[in-house]
């Protein structure tokens, strides 16, 4: 009888809520000061679905009204070999989450959480969530775009 021994490695992950913006040919993450950051304990075996659920729970987000996107920026050392306008790495499945965990073990990276609100056109809009949270005309973020959420 062959048995496999697997030990999960616990990781302290910093999640930060906000939005990515391309400024002067460089991607910058603008933090939502109200939501801020959270420390989310995970293991290297955490599933993508569990990660999504933990982010919703820790930030107190309503899954029926808000869609989230997870991403991260490569370390400065890695970015030295790439162009300045290299976009953030989006996480959309278990395999991509495992890639993030590998970076988390060796580099100082944070999980970036972008939230999108459902608007009246049955699409997800950053403008809708900002209108709802900050009132009309007081947007913290300058570019709005519509993204269809399939989660």
Protein backbone atom coordinates (compact mmCIF):
# COMPACT_ATOMS: atom_id res chain seq x y z
CA UNK A 1 0.00 0.00 0.00
CA UNK A 2 1.43 3.34 -1.08
CA UNK A 3 0.49 6.38 0.94
CA UNK A 4 1.28 9.94 0.17
CA UNK A 5 2.05 12.43 2.88
CA UNK A 6 1.07 15.99 2.15
CA UNK A 7 1.58 18.87 4.54
CA UNK A 8 -0.15 22.16 3.80
CA UNK A 9 1.99 25.26 4.14
CA UNK A 10 0.28 28.17 5.90
CA UNK A 11 0.75 31.59 4.32
CA UNK A 12 -0.11 35.06 5.58
CA UNK A 13 -1.59 36.87 2.66
CA UNK A 14 -2.26 40.60 2.58
CA UNK A 15 -5.34 41.50 0.53
CA UNK A 16 -5.86 45.12 -0.50
CA UNK A 17 -9.07 46.51 -1.98
CA UNK A 18 -8.88 49.19 -4.67
CA UNK A 19 -8.40 49.64 -8.41
CA UNK A 20 -5.59 49.37 -10.95
CA UNK A 21 -4.92 52.47 -13.07
CA UNK A 22 -2.37 52.95 -15.83
CA UNK A 23 -0.50 56.17 -15.02
CA UNK A 24 2.35 57.46 -17.17
CA UNK A 25 2.91 54.03 -18.75
CA UNK A 26 2.99 52.26 -15.38
CA UNK A 27 0.29 50.31 -13.55
CA UNK A 28 -0.49 51.63 -10.06
CA UNK A 29 -2.92 50.16 -7.54
CA UNK A 30 -5.04 52.82 -5.84
CA UNK A 31 -6.19 51.59 -2.44
CA UNK A 32 -9.79 52.05 -1.35
CA UNK A 33 -9.12 53.88 1.91
CA UNK A 34 -12.45 52.84 3.38
CA UNK A 35 -11.99 49.09 2.77
CA UNK A 36 -8.22 49.06 3.16
CA UNK A 37 -6.32 45.80 3.63
CA UNK A 38 -6.97 42.49 5.35
CA UNK A 39 -4.70 39.67 6.47
CA UNK A 40 -6.18 36.45 5.15
CA UNK A 41 -4.59 33.20 6.38
CA UNK A 42 -4.45 30.64 3.57
CA UNK A 43 -2.63 27.43 2.77
CA UNK A 44 -0.94 26.56 -0.48
CA UNK A 45 -3.86 24.17 -1.09
CA UNK A 46 -6.61 26.81 -0.75
CA UNK A 47 -8.95 26.51 -3.72
CA UNK A 48 -9.92 29.40 -5.95
CA UNK A 49 -13.55 29.15 -4.81
CA UNK A 50 -12.51 29.20 -1.13
CA UNK A 51 -10.31 32.25 -1.78
CA UNK A 52 -13.18 34.10 -3.46
CA UNK A 53 -15.49 33.23 -0.54
CA UNK A 54 -12.93 34.37 2.06
CA UNK A 55 -12.47 37.72 0.30
CA UNK A 56 -16.24 38.27 0.13
CA UNK A 57 -16.59 37.36 3.80
CA UNK A 58 -13.61 39.37 5.09
CA UNK A 59 -14.63 42.50 3.18
CA UNK A 60 -18.34 42.04 3.96
CA UNK A 61 -19.33 42.11 0.28
CA UNK A 62 -22.68 40.90 -1.07
CA UNK A 63 -22.13 38.29 -3.81
CA UNK A 64 -25.48 39.13 -5.39
CA UNK A 65 -24.56 42.79 -5.88
CA UNK A 66 -20.77 42.88 -6.16
CA UNK A 67 -18.32 40.98 -8.33
CA UNK A 68 -14.64 40.85 -7.43
CA UNK A 69 -11.48 40.43 -9.49
CA UNK A 70 -8.25 39.20 -7.95
CA UNK A 71 -4.82 40.19 -9.23
CA UNK A 72 -1.24 40.97 -8.21
CA UNK A 73 1.80 42.73 -9.56
CA UNK A 74 5.02 40.87 -10.06
CA UNK A 75 7.90 41.76 -7.73
CA UNK A 76 10.19 44.68 -8.57
CA UNK A 77 12.97 42.21 -9.30
CA UNK A 78 10.81 40.40 -11.86
CA UNK A 79 9.58 43.67 -13.38
CA UNK A 80 13.16 44.82 -14.07
CA UNK A 81 13.21 42.35 -16.95
CA UNK A 82 9.85 43.55 -18.37
CA UNK A 83 8.50 46.76 -19.88
CA UNK A 84 7.11 49.46 -17.57
CA UNK A 85 3.57 49.00 -18.87
CA UNK A 86 3.39 45.31 -17.90
CA UNK A 87 -0.15 44.87 -16.55
CA UNK A 88 -1.07 43.18 -13.29
CA UNK A 89 -1.51 39.41 -13.30
CA UNK A 90 -5.19 38.46 -13.09
CA UNK A 91 -6.20 35.41 -11.05
CA UNK A 92 -9.20 33.59 -12.48
CA UNK A 93 -8.78 29.93 -11.55
CA UNK A 94 -7.05 27.47 -9.22
CA UNK A 95 -3.90 27.13 -11.37
CA UNK A 96 -3.41 30.91 -11.48
CA UNK A 97 -3.99 31.11 -7.71
CA UNK A 98 -1.26 28.50 -7.22
CA UNK A 99 1.07 30.71 -9.28
CA UNK A 100 0.27 33.60 -6.93
CA UNK A 101 1.04 31.39 -3.90
CA UNK A 102 4.46 30.52 -5.40
CA UNK A 103 5.22 34.26 -5.71
CA UNK A 104 3.90 34.85 -2.19
CA UNK A 105 6.37 32.32 -0.76
CA UNK A 106 9.41 33.94 -2.37
CA UNK A 107 8.51 37.63 -2.87
CA UNK A 108 6.60 40.34 -1.07
CA UNK A 109 3.41 40.47 -3.14
CA UNK A 110 -0.10 41.37 -2.13
CA UNK A 111 -3.44 40.21 -3.43
CA UNK A 112 -5.27 43.10 -5.07
CA UNK A 113 -9.07 42.99 -4.91
CA UNK A 114 -11.14 45.06 -7.32
CA UNK A 115 -14.89 45.25 -6.71
CA UNK A 116 -17.51 45.87 -9.37
CA UNK A 117 -21.20 46.58 -8.71
CA UNK A 118 -24.07 45.29 -10.79
CA UNK A 119 -25.71 48.13 -12.71
CA UNK A 120 -29.03 48.36 -14.56
CA UNK A 121 -27.60 47.05 -17.85
CA UNK A 122 -26.86 43.62 -16.35
CA UNK A 123 -23.15 44.26 -16.52
CA UNK A 124 -20.58 45.02 -13.85
CA UNK A 125 -19.45 48.59 -13.53
CA UNK A 126 -16.86 50.31 -11.35
CA UNK A 127 -18.83 53.54 -11.80
CA UNK A 128 -21.95 51.99 -10.27
CA UNK A 129 -20.14 50.91 -7.12
CA UNK A 130 -18.48 54.30 -6.73
CA UNK A 131 -21.78 56.14 -7.20
CA UNK A 132 -23.32 53.92 -4.55
CA UNK A 133 -20.50 54.19 -2.03
CA UNK A 134 -19.25 57.76 -2.40
CA UNK A 135 -22.23 59.68 -3.78
CA UNK A 136 -22.51 61.35 -7.14
CA UNK A 137 -19.64 63.53 -8.28
CA UNK A 138 -17.18 62.39 -5.60
CA UNK A 139 -15.39 59.57 -7.34
CA UNK A 140 -11.99 58.57 -6.04
CA UNK A 141 -11.11 56.83 -9.27
CA UNK A 142 -10.88 58.51 -12.63
CA UNK A 143 -11.51 55.82 -15.22
CA UNK A 144 -14.71 53.81 -15.41
CA UNK A 145 -15.21 50.85 -17.61
CA UNK A 146 -17.80 48.15 -17.89
CA UNK A 147 -16.79 44.54 -17.46
CA UNK A 148 -19.04 41.54 -17.85
CA UNK A 149 -18.67 39.33 -14.80
CA UNK A 150 -19.13 35.62 -15.31
CA UNK A 151 -18.76 34.46 -11.72
